[in-house]
Protein backbone atom coordinates (compact mmCIF):
# COMPACT_ATOMS: atom_id res chain seq x y z
CA UNK A 1 -33.56 8.28 -12.10
CA UNK A 2 -34.12 5.19 -9.99
CA UNK A 3 -37.61 3.47 -10.47
CA UNK A 4 -39.88 4.15 -7.49
CA UNK A 5 -40.01 0.41 -6.67
CA UNK A 6 -36.31 0.40 -6.41
CA UNK A 7 -36.27 3.43 -4.38
CA UNK A 8 -38.76 2.07 -1.85
CA UNK A 9 -36.80 -1.26 -1.66
CA UNK A 10 -33.56 0.59 -0.88
CA UNK A 11 -35.20 2.79 1.54
CA UNK A 12 -36.49 -0.25 3.43
CA UNK A 13 -33.40 -2.14 3.27
CA UNK A 14 -31.16 0.67 4.48
CA UNK A 15 -33.57 1.77 7.53
CA UNK A 16 -35.37 -1.39 8.27
CA UNK A 17 -32.63 -3.97 7.62
CA UNK A 18 -34.10 -6.66 9.59
CA UNK A 19 -37.41 -6.65 7.72
CA UNK A 20 -37.91 -9.98 5.90
CA UNK A 21 -38.81 -7.72 2.88
CA UNK A 22 -35.30 -7.05 2.24
CA UNK A 23 -34.19 -10.57 2.36
CA UNK A 24 -37.16 -12.10 0.62
CA UNK A 25 -35.35 -11.99 -2.84
CA UNK A 26 -32.25 -13.81 -1.54
CA UNK A 27 -33.93 -16.83 -0.23
CA UNK A 28 -33.76 -18.78 -3.23
CA UNK A 29 -30.50 -17.33 -4.53
CA UNK A 30 -26.79 -18.67 -4.04
CA UNK A 31 -26.03 -15.52 -2.09
CA UNK A 32 -28.53 -16.13 0.66
CA UNK A 33 -25.86 -18.10 2.73
CA UNK A 34 -22.78 -16.36 1.36
CA UNK A 35 -21.48 -14.90 4.58
CA UNK A 36 -22.14 -18.19 6.52
CA UNK A 37 -20.17 -20.36 4.15
CA UNK A 38 -17.37 -17.69 3.54
CA UNK A 39 -14.72 -17.68 6.25
CA UNK A 40 -13.77 -14.18 7.70
CA UNK A 41 -10.60 -12.63 6.38
CA UNK A 42 -7.51 -13.62 8.33
CA UNK A 43 -4.20 -12.00 7.54
CA UNK A 44 -2.21 -14.76 9.02
CA UNK A 45 -3.25 -17.36 6.51
CA UNK A 46 -1.24 -17.20 3.12
CA UNK A 47 -2.58 -18.41 0.04
CA UNK A 48 -6.20 -19.71 1.08
CA UNK A 49 -8.20 -21.13 -1.62
CA UNK A 50 -11.50 -19.51 -2.87
CA UNK A 51 -13.92 -19.43 -0.03
CA UNK A 52 -11.64 -21.79 1.92
CA UNK A 53 -8.74 -22.17 4.39
CA UNK A 54 -5.37 -24.06 4.11
CA UNK A 55 -4.13 -26.76 6.29
CA UNK A 56 -0.93 -26.48 8.50
CA UNK A 57 1.02 -28.82 6.17
CA UNK A 58 0.52 -26.58 3.11
CA UNK A 59 1.49 -23.54 5.12
CA UNK A 60 4.64 -25.10 6.39
CA UNK A 61 5.54 -26.09 2.78
CA UNK A 62 5.00 -22.72 1.55
CA UNK A 63 7.26 -21.09 4.29
CA UNK A 64 9.89 -23.49 3.54
CA UNK A 65 9.97 -22.66 -0.11
CA UNK A 66 10.22 -19.07 0.89
CA UNK A 67 13.18 -19.89 3.13
CA UNK A 68 14.97 -21.70 0.47
CA UNK A 69 14.36 -18.72 -2.00
CA UNK A 70 15.77 -16.16 0.55
CA UNK A 71 19.07 -17.95 0.59
CA UNK A 72 19.48 -18.23 -3.19
CA UNK A 73 22.77 -16.83 -4.36
CA UNK A 74 23.33 -15.00 -7.54
CA UNK A 75 24.62 -15.15 -10.29
CA UNK A 76 25.02 -18.82 -9.31
CA UNK A 77 21.97 -20.92 -9.00
CA UNK A 78 20.88 -24.06 -7.31
CA UNK A 79 21.39 -27.22 -9.13
CA UNK A 80 18.83 -27.57 -12.17
CA UNK A 81 17.89 -23.92 -12.12
CA UNK A 82 18.32 -21.97 -15.16
CA UNK A 83 19.70 -18.46 -15.11
CA UNK A 84 19.12 -15.90 -17.91
CA UNK A 85 22.84 -15.06 -17.75
CA UNK A 86 23.78 -18.47 -18.66
CA UNK A 87 22.54 -17.44 -22.16
CA UNK A 88 24.44 -14.03 -22.24
CA UNK A 89 21.91 -11.72 -20.60
CA UNK A 90 24.07 -8.77 -19.58
CA UNK A 91 21.57 -6.96 -17.10
CA UNK A 92 23.19 -3.55 -17.73
CA UNK A 93 19.98 -1.74 -18.48
CA UNK A 94 20.97 -0.30 -21.85
CA UNK A 95 21.30 -3.56 -23.90
CA UNK A 96 18.74 -5.87 -25.32
CA UNK A 97 18.38 -9.08 -23.28
CA UNK A 98 15.22 -10.36 -25.05
CA UNK A 99 16.99 -13.10 -26.97
CA UNK A 100 18.71 -14.33 -23.80
CA UNK A 101 15.28 -14.51 -22.00
CA UNK A 102 13.85 -16.42 -24.98
CA UNK A 103 16.57 -18.97 -24.93
CA UNK A 104 16.53 -19.19 -20.98
CA UNK A 105 12.82 -19.77 -21.13
CA UNK A 106 13.29 -22.57 -23.94
CA UNK A 107 15.61 -24.41 -21.73
CA UNK A 108 13.29 -24.09 -18.53
CA UNK A 109 10.23 -25.34 -20.35
CA UNK A 110 11.97 -28.28 -21.66
CA UNK A 111 13.65 -29.13 -18.38
CA UNK A 112 12.60 -31.75 -15.63
CA UNK A 113 13.17 -29.09 -12.80
CA UNK A 114 11.68 -26.09 -14.60
CA UNK A 115 13.08 -23.16 -12.57
CA UNK A 116 14.11 -19.86 -14.08
CA UNK A 117 15.96 -17.23 -12.25
CA UNK A 118 16.43 -13.46 -13.00
CA UNK A 119 19.36 -12.48 -10.88
CA UNK A 120 19.41 -9.64 -8.52
CA UNK A 121 21.42 -6.34 -8.63
CA UNK A 122 20.90 -6.26 -12.44
CA UNK A 123 18.72 -4.69 -14.80
CA UNK A 124 17.47 -6.51 -17.87
CA UNK A 125 16.01 -4.66 -20.77
CA UNK A 126 13.40 -6.70 -22.53
CA UNK A 127 11.21 -6.01 -25.63
CA UNK A 128 7.82 -7.68 -26.01
CA UNK A 129 8.13 -11.42 -25.34
CA UNK A 130 6.05 -14.36 -25.03
CA UNK A 131 6.63 -17.37 -22.51
CA UNK A 132 4.59 -20.25 -23.73
CA UNK A 133 3.58 -23.53 -22.50
CA UNK A 134 2.85 -26.35 -21.95
CA UNK A 135 6.18 -27.22 -20.40
CA UNK A 136 7.76 -30.72 -19.67
CA UNK A 137 7.62 -30.50 -15.94
CA UNK A 138 4.52 -30.74 -13.95
CA UNK A 139 5.18 -27.21 -12.40
CA UNK A 140 7.16 -24.18 -13.36
CA UNK A 141 8.81 -21.54 -11.23
CA UNK A 142 10.03 -18.02 -12.26
CA UNK A 143 12.18 -16.14 -9.54
CA UNK A 144 12.66 -12.49 -10.21
CA UNK A 145 15.41 -11.25 -8.04
CA UNK A 146 16.45 -8.38 -10.34
CA UNK A 147 14.85 -5.83 -12.36
CA UNK A 148 13.10 -6.53 -15.74
CA UNK A 149 12.62 -3.28 -17.79
CA UNK A 150 10.66 -2.55 -20.91
CA UNK A 151 11.76 -1.12 -24.05
CA UNK A 152 10.33 2.29 -24.14
CA UNK A 153 10.41 2.48 -28.04
CA UNK A 154 6.74 2.15 -29.34
CA UNK A 155 8.07 0.74 -32.51
CA UNK A 156 9.07 -2.42 -30.69
CA UNK A 157 5.54 -3.33 -30.02
CA UNK A 158 4.32 -3.00 -33.59
CA UNK A 159 3.56 -6.68 -34.09
CA UNK A 160 1.39 -6.78 -30.77
CA UNK A 161 0.11 -3.71 -29.12
CA UNK A 162 -1.58 -5.45 -26.46
CA UNK A 163 1.18 -7.27 -24.43
CA UNK A 164 4.74 -6.73 -23.11
CA UNK A 165 5.42 -9.84 -20.93
CA UNK A 166 3.01 -12.54 -21.92
CA UNK A 167 2.68 -15.87 -20.14
CA UNK A 168 0.47 -18.31 -22.07
CA UNK A 169 -0.75 -21.86 -21.39
CA UNK A 170 1.61 -22.42 -18.40
CA UNK A 171 0.06 -25.00 -15.83
CA UNK A 172 1.13 -25.08 -12.23
CA UNK A 173 3.08 -21.83 -12.61
CA UNK A 174 4.48 -19.90 -9.71
CA UNK A 175 6.03 -16.50 -9.95
CA UNK A 176 8.12 -15.33 -6.95
CA UNK A 177 8.85 -11.58 -7.28
CA UNK A 178 9.10 -9.99 -3.89
CA UNK A 179 12.79 -9.43 -4.30
CA UNK A 180 12.75 -8.01 -7.78
CA UNK A 181 10.73 -5.59 -10.02
CA UNK A 182 9.06 -5.25 -13.29
CA UNK A 183 9.26 -1.65 -14.80
CA UNK A 184 6.98 -1.09 -17.72
CA UNK A 185 8.55 2.53 -18.33
CA UNK A 186 5.02 3.82 -19.34
CA UNK A 187 5.87 7.41 -19.48
CA UNK A 188 5.98 7.71 -23.23
CA UNK A 189 2.69 5.77 -23.57
CA UNK A 190 0.78 8.04 -21.17
CA UNK A 191 2.22 11.28 -22.85
CA UNK A 192 0.68 9.92 -26.10
CA UNK A 193 -2.58 8.78 -24.51
CA UNK A 194 -5.90 10.78 -25.85
CA UNK A 195 -6.78 11.24 -22.15
CA UNK A 196 -3.64 13.22 -21.59
CA UNK A 197 -3.22 14.84 -24.87
CA UNK A 198 -6.55 15.43 -26.45
CA UNK A 199 -4.87 16.08 -29.95
CA UNK A 200 -3.90 12.42 -30.02
CA UNK A 201 -5.95 9.65 -31.30
CA UNK A 202 -7.15 6.99 -28.79
CA UNK A 203 -5.07 3.99 -29.17
CA UNK A 204 -4.14 0.77 -27.15
CA UNK A 205 -1.12 0.38 -25.08
CA UNK A 206 0.58 -2.90 -23.94
CA UNK A 207 -0.30 -4.59 -20.65
CA UNK A 208 2.80 -5.14 -18.60
CA UNK A 209 2.35 -8.63 -17.46
CA UNK A 210 -0.37 -10.90 -18.84
CA UNK A 211 -1.30 -14.58 -17.60
CA UNK A 212 -3.48 -16.15 -20.10
CA UNK A 213 -4.85 -19.82 -19.94
CA UNK A 214 -2.43 -20.47 -16.90
CA UNK A 215 -4.49 -22.73 -14.45
CA UNK A 216 -3.28 -23.24 -10.90
CA UNK A 217 -1.28 -19.92 -11.02
CA UNK A 218 0.45 -18.72 -7.89
CA UNK A 219 1.76 -15.03 -7.85
CA UNK A 220 3.83 -14.25 -4.78
CA UNK A 221 5.08 -10.51 -4.10
CA UNK A 222 5.06 -9.71 -7.76
CA UNK A 223 6.04 -5.88 -8.09
CA UNK A 224 5.00 -4.00 -11.15
CA UNK A 225 5.62 -0.42 -11.59
CA UNK A 226 4.68 2.27 -14.36
CA UNK A 227 2.71 -0.12 -16.68
CA UNK A 228 2.24 1.08 -20.31
CA UNK A 229 -1.31 0.49 -19.65
CA UNK A 230 -2.76 -2.37 -17.26
CA UNK A 231 -0.26 -3.87 -14.82
CA UNK A 232 -1.27 -7.33 -14.38
CA UNK A 233 -4.05 -9.02 -16.13
CA UNK A 234 -5.50 -12.56 -15.38
CA UNK A 235 -7.37 -13.93 -18.37
CA UNK A 236 -8.95 -17.32 -19.04
CA UNK A 237 -7.49 -18.97 -16.07
CA UNK A 238 -8.60 -21.14 -13.22
CA UNK A 239 -7.43 -21.56 -9.81
CA UNK A 240 -5.19 -18.37 -9.26
CA UNK A 241 -3.72 -17.06 -5.97
CA UNK A 242 -2.17 -13.64 -5.91
CA UNK A 243 -0.57 -12.81 -2.60
CA UNK A 244 0.96 -9.42 -1.87
CA UNK A 245 1.05 -7.96 -5.40
CA UNK A 246 2.35 -4.51 -5.45
CA UNK A 247 1.60 -2.11 -8.24
CA UNK A 248 2.73 1.49 -8.34
CA UNK A 249 2.27 4.20 -11.02
CA UNK A 250 1.22 7.94 -10.93
CA UNK A 251 -2.16 8.97 -10.19
CA UNK A 252 -2.21 10.73 -13.57
CA UNK A 253 -1.26 7.61 -15.58
CA UNK A 254 -4.25 6.83 -17.81
CA UNK A 255 -5.74 3.29 -18.07
CA UNK A 256 -3.14 1.74 -15.57
CA UNK A 257 -5.45 -0.64 -13.87
CA UNK A 258 -3.89 -2.59 -11.21
CA UNK A 259 -5.02 -6.20 -11.30
CA UNK A 260 -7.53 -7.15 -13.95
CA UNK A 261 -9.40 -10.45 -13.90
CA UNK A 262 -11.56 -11.49 -16.93
CA UNK A 263 -12.88 -14.77 -18.12
CA UNK A 264 -11.31 -16.47 -15.08
CA UNK A 265 -12.57 -18.58 -12.11
CA UNK A 266 -11.65 -19.34 -8.70
CA UNK A 267 -9.40 -16.34 -8.17
CA UNK A 268 -8.15 -15.25 -4.77
CA UNK A 269 -6.22 -11.76 -4.54
CA UNK A 270 -4.67 -11.62 -1.09
CA UNK A 271 -3.20 -8.36 0.48
CA UNK A 272 -2.38 -6.47 -2.68
CA UNK A 273 -1.11 -2.86 -2.44
CA UNK A 274 -2.16 -0.70 -5.33
CA UNK A 275 -1.49 2.76 -6.29
CA UNK A 276 -2.26 3.78 -9.75
CA UNK A 277 -4.29 5.81 -12.29
CA UNK A 278 -7.11 3.55 -12.90
CA UNK A 279 -9.10 0.73 -11.05
CA UNK A 280 -6.87 -0.80 -8.47
CA UNK A 281 -8.84 -4.25 -9.15
CA UNK A 282 -11.26 -4.80 -11.93
CA UNK A 283 -13.24 -7.89 -12.26
CA UNK A 284 -15.05 -8.31 -15.48
CA UNK A 285 -16.67 -10.28 -18.21
CA UNK A 286 -16.76 -13.92 -17.77
CA UNK A 287 -15.24 -14.06 -14.11
CA UNK A 288 -16.70 -16.03 -11.47
CA UNK A 289 -15.64 -17.10 -7.74
CA UNK A 290 -13.28 -14.12 -7.32
CA UNK A 291 -12.33 -13.04 -3.87
CA UNK A 292 -10.02 -10.04 -2.90
CA UNK A 293 -9.20 -9.74 0.81
CA UNK A 294 -6.89 -7.29 2.54
CA UNK A 295 -6.72 -4.78 -0.20
CA UNK A 296 -4.86 -1.58 0.13
CA UNK A 297 -5.92 0.93 -2.69
CA UNK A 298 -5.15 4.47 -3.57
CA UNK A 299 -4.70 6.62 -5.55
CA UNK A 300 -6.70 5.19 -8.25
CA UNK A 301 -10.34 4.59 -9.22
CA UNK A 302 -11.20 2.01 -6.56
CA UNK A 303 -12.47 -1.51 -7.13
CA UNK A 304 -14.75 -2.09 -10.06
CA UNK A 305 -16.78 -5.14 -11.02
CA UNK A 306 -18.78 -5.18 -14.18
CA UNK A 307 -19.25 -5.91 -17.74
CA UNK A 308 -17.47 -3.37 -19.98
CA UNK A 309 -18.34 -4.01 -23.56
CA UNK A 310 -21.55 -3.47 -25.44
CA UNK A 311 -22.87 -5.53 -28.51
CA UNK A 312 -22.69 -9.19 -28.40
CA UNK A 313 -23.85 -11.07 -25.40
CA UNK A 314 -21.33 -11.47 -22.61
CA UNK A 315 -20.51 -14.07 -20.02
CA UNK A 316 -21.87 -13.12 -16.52
CA UNK A 317 -19.84 -11.97 -13.62
CA UNK A 318 -20.87 -13.77 -10.41
CA UNK A 319 -19.96 -14.65 -7.01
CA UNK A 320 -17.56 -11.72 -6.30
CA UNK A 321 -16.47 -10.90 -2.61
CA UNK A 322 -14.38 -7.99 -1.57
CA UNK A 323 -13.65 -8.47 2.09
CA UNK A 324 -11.60 -6.09 4.18
CA UNK A 325 -10.27 -3.26 1.93
CA UNK A 326 -8.89 0.31 2.71
CA UNK A 327 -9.26 2.96 0.11
CA UNK A 328 -7.54 6.36 0.36
CA UNK A 329 -8.14 9.04 -1.92
CA UNK A 330 -9.62 7.18 -4.92
CA UNK A 331 -11.88 8.71 -7.42
CA UNK A 332 -14.52 6.00 -6.87
CA UNK A 333 -14.91 3.59 -4.06
CA UNK A 334 -16.61 0.07 -4.67
CA UNK A 335 -18.12 0.31 -8.03
CA UNK A 336 -20.24 -1.77 -10.39
CA UNK A 337 -20.15 -0.53 -13.86
CA UNK A 338 -21.70 -2.01 -17.03
CA UNK A 339 -21.65 -0.52 -20.53
CA UNK A 340 -24.95 0.74 -22.11
CA UNK A 341 -26.35 -1.48 -24.66
CA UNK A 342 -24.45 -4.59 -23.22
CA UNK A 343 -26.14 -7.90 -22.13
CA UNK A 344 -25.59 -10.65 -19.57
CA UNK A 345 -25.67 -10.60 -15.81
CA UNK A 346 -23.76 -9.22 -12.79
CA UNK A 347 -24.84 -10.94 -9.80
CA UNK A 348 -23.99 -12.19 -6.18
CA UNK A 349 -21.53 -9.40 -5.45
CA UNK A 350 -20.53 -8.60 -1.87
CA UNK A 351 -18.53 -5.59 -0.46
CA UNK A 352 -17.78 -5.93 3.32
CA UNK A 353 -15.68 -4.46 5.88
CA UNK A 354 -14.46 -1.51 3.63
CA UNK A 355 -12.92 1.57 5.12
CA UNK A 356 -12.87 4.84 3.02
CA UNK A 357 -10.43 7.74 3.48
CA UNK A 358 -11.52 10.82 1.51
CA UNK A 359 -13.00 8.79 -1.21
CA UNK A 360 -15.09 10.26 -4.00
CA UNK A 361 -18.39 8.42 -4.94
CA UNK A 362 -17.69 5.62 -2.22
CA UNK A 363 -20.70 3.40 -3.32
CA UNK A 364 -21.86 3.51 -6.96
CA UNK A 365 -23.78 1.39 -9.49
CA UNK A 366 -23.59 2.89 -13.01
CA UNK A 367 -25.45 0.76 -15.67
CA UNK A 368 -24.93 3.65 -18.13
CA UNK A 369 -21.27 3.55 -18.12
CA UNK A 370 -19.45 5.36 -21.02
CA UNK A 371 -15.80 5.61 -21.44
CA UNK A 372 -15.23 6.98 -24.92
CA UNK A 373 -14.51 10.40 -26.85
CA UNK A 374 -18.27 10.96 -27.87
CA UNK A 375 -21.37 10.52 -25.75
CA UNK A 376 -22.95 7.18 -25.78
CA UNK A 377 -26.33 7.03 -27.26
CA UNK A 378 -29.35 5.79 -25.08
CA UNK A 379 -29.73 2.04 -25.37
CA UNK A 380 -32.77 -0.08 -24.61
CA UNK A 381 -30.54 -3.13 -23.63
CA UNK A 382 -28.48 -3.37 -20.50
CA UNK A 383 -26.69 -5.69 -18.22
CA UNK A 384 -28.70 -6.98 -15.44
CA UNK A 385 -27.54 -6.25 -12.02
CA UNK A 386 -28.81 -8.22 -9.08
CA UNK A 387 -28.15 -9.56 -5.68
CA UNK A 388 -25.59 -7.03 -4.42
CA UNK A 389 -24.71 -6.67 -0.87
CA UNK A 390 -22.90 -3.57 0.78
CA UNK A 391 -21.99 -4.49 4.42
CA UNK A 392 -19.81 -2.49 6.87
CA UNK A 393 -18.82 0.29 4.70
CA UNK A 394 -17.40 3.21 6.74
CA UNK A 395 -15.16 6.18 6.53
CA UNK A 396 -15.08 9.64 4.90
CA UNK A 397 -16.37 10.75 1.57
CA UNK A 398 -14.74 13.56 -0.53
CA UNK A 399 -18.14 14.14 -2.36
CA UNK A 400 -21.55 15.35 -0.98
CA UNK A 401 -23.14 12.20 -2.36
CA UNK A 402 -21.99 8.88 -0.84
CA UNK A 403 -24.26 6.52 -2.54
CA UNK A 404 -25.16 6.58 -6.30
CA UNK A 405 -27.32 4.13 -7.86
CA UNK A 406 -27.64 4.87 -11.83
CA UNK A 407 -29.64 1.94 -12.78
CA UNK A 408 -31.22 1.25 -16.19
CA UNK A 409 -34.74 2.03 -17.07
CA UNK A 410 -35.48 -1.17 -18.84
CA UNK A 411 -33.28 -3.45 -16.75
CA UNK A 412 -33.34 -2.03 -13.05
CA UNK A 413 -31.06 -3.05 -10.45
CA UNK A 414 -32.62 -5.94 -8.37
CA UNK A 415 -31.95 -7.20 -4.79
CA UNK A 416 -29.65 -4.40 -3.50
CA UNK A 417 -28.98 -4.71 0.23
CA UNK A 418 -27.19 -2.19 2.54
CA UNK A 419 -26.13 -2.74 6.21
CA UNK A 420 -23.90 -0.96 8.55
CA UNK A 421 -23.16 1.98 6.01
CA UNK A 422 -21.49 4.84 7.89
CA UNK A 423 -20.02 7.47 5.67
CA UNK A 424 -19.69 11.10 6.34
């Protein structure tokens, strides 16, 4: 039950949106001029930086790099590029190419040119592997033209259940993936999930692709399918641009989040297309200045922002903008969720220009989120949620209730604003 004062605030903000009462709590907050200083989403601009645009020279440079990429031959590579087949990767799908990838990466990372190519028309079977930096070159590029396929033997992940392809501490790293694919072969993991088979214990499964401490990271056209658990995770990284990332797994696949952002800053996710069994995009603990534009989501659990772990204090999540998104048939729409008993803040969050098509629970705040086998106990502490704007949210709901605010009794939601909400 929402506190009476919050209900009154929501009533007035929803139906008398021009009243200064609705805006008074924002006058001294960073969000007060959020819309004014945030440019409108423009699909024609590729790789804009966070809350900014790019100049023509940068656009031309980027287009030029793509043209060179389109004309790249295989298995031969351009002068100075490293090819995994130079290190006896077979690419026939049923042999282990892990060692060849390790050797190829070592050569790439110690090279002045630092470009690694995975040739097209081949399928490379790879066990868990870590691509570590720092590298000799000021910038590093990975070109995925073929298919990288995971081992589906859980025993191969015994030393690290959390990762399959792990990229760590690589600066100025660019991944070009729009001609190739990454397949996590997650079926065996889904079958043994406690969410699918109640007789099984709840255990972790690997994230398909993780980028950890990778500052100035660019992902272009990365295509990740059937992850064991999460598809793409961006962690402890600064200045990240992810353009046209495509994620696909069945609606029934458990915990298969599309793009997961944690403890990262200045992240721009541009025109992703995500179909999965969990959150299309999740932005959690310690992330700030995160922008997602032109999002296509569904099936899945929608777009989520929040602090998901209880216990010790957590770094805040702040300055998040979701601008222009289409959600189709998702279990949730735009959602803020925080774990009971947690601590920290979630503030300055904006969801605008979002179209819903048959979405369950289109707008939801849940400060009592609980995702475990047993019921969560009532807690006195909670994450503080404040300064949230919902603007121009339209479309159809698959549930009778279109807006749910399940706020904490002890730390109620503050400064919630709604404008242009039209859900039927």
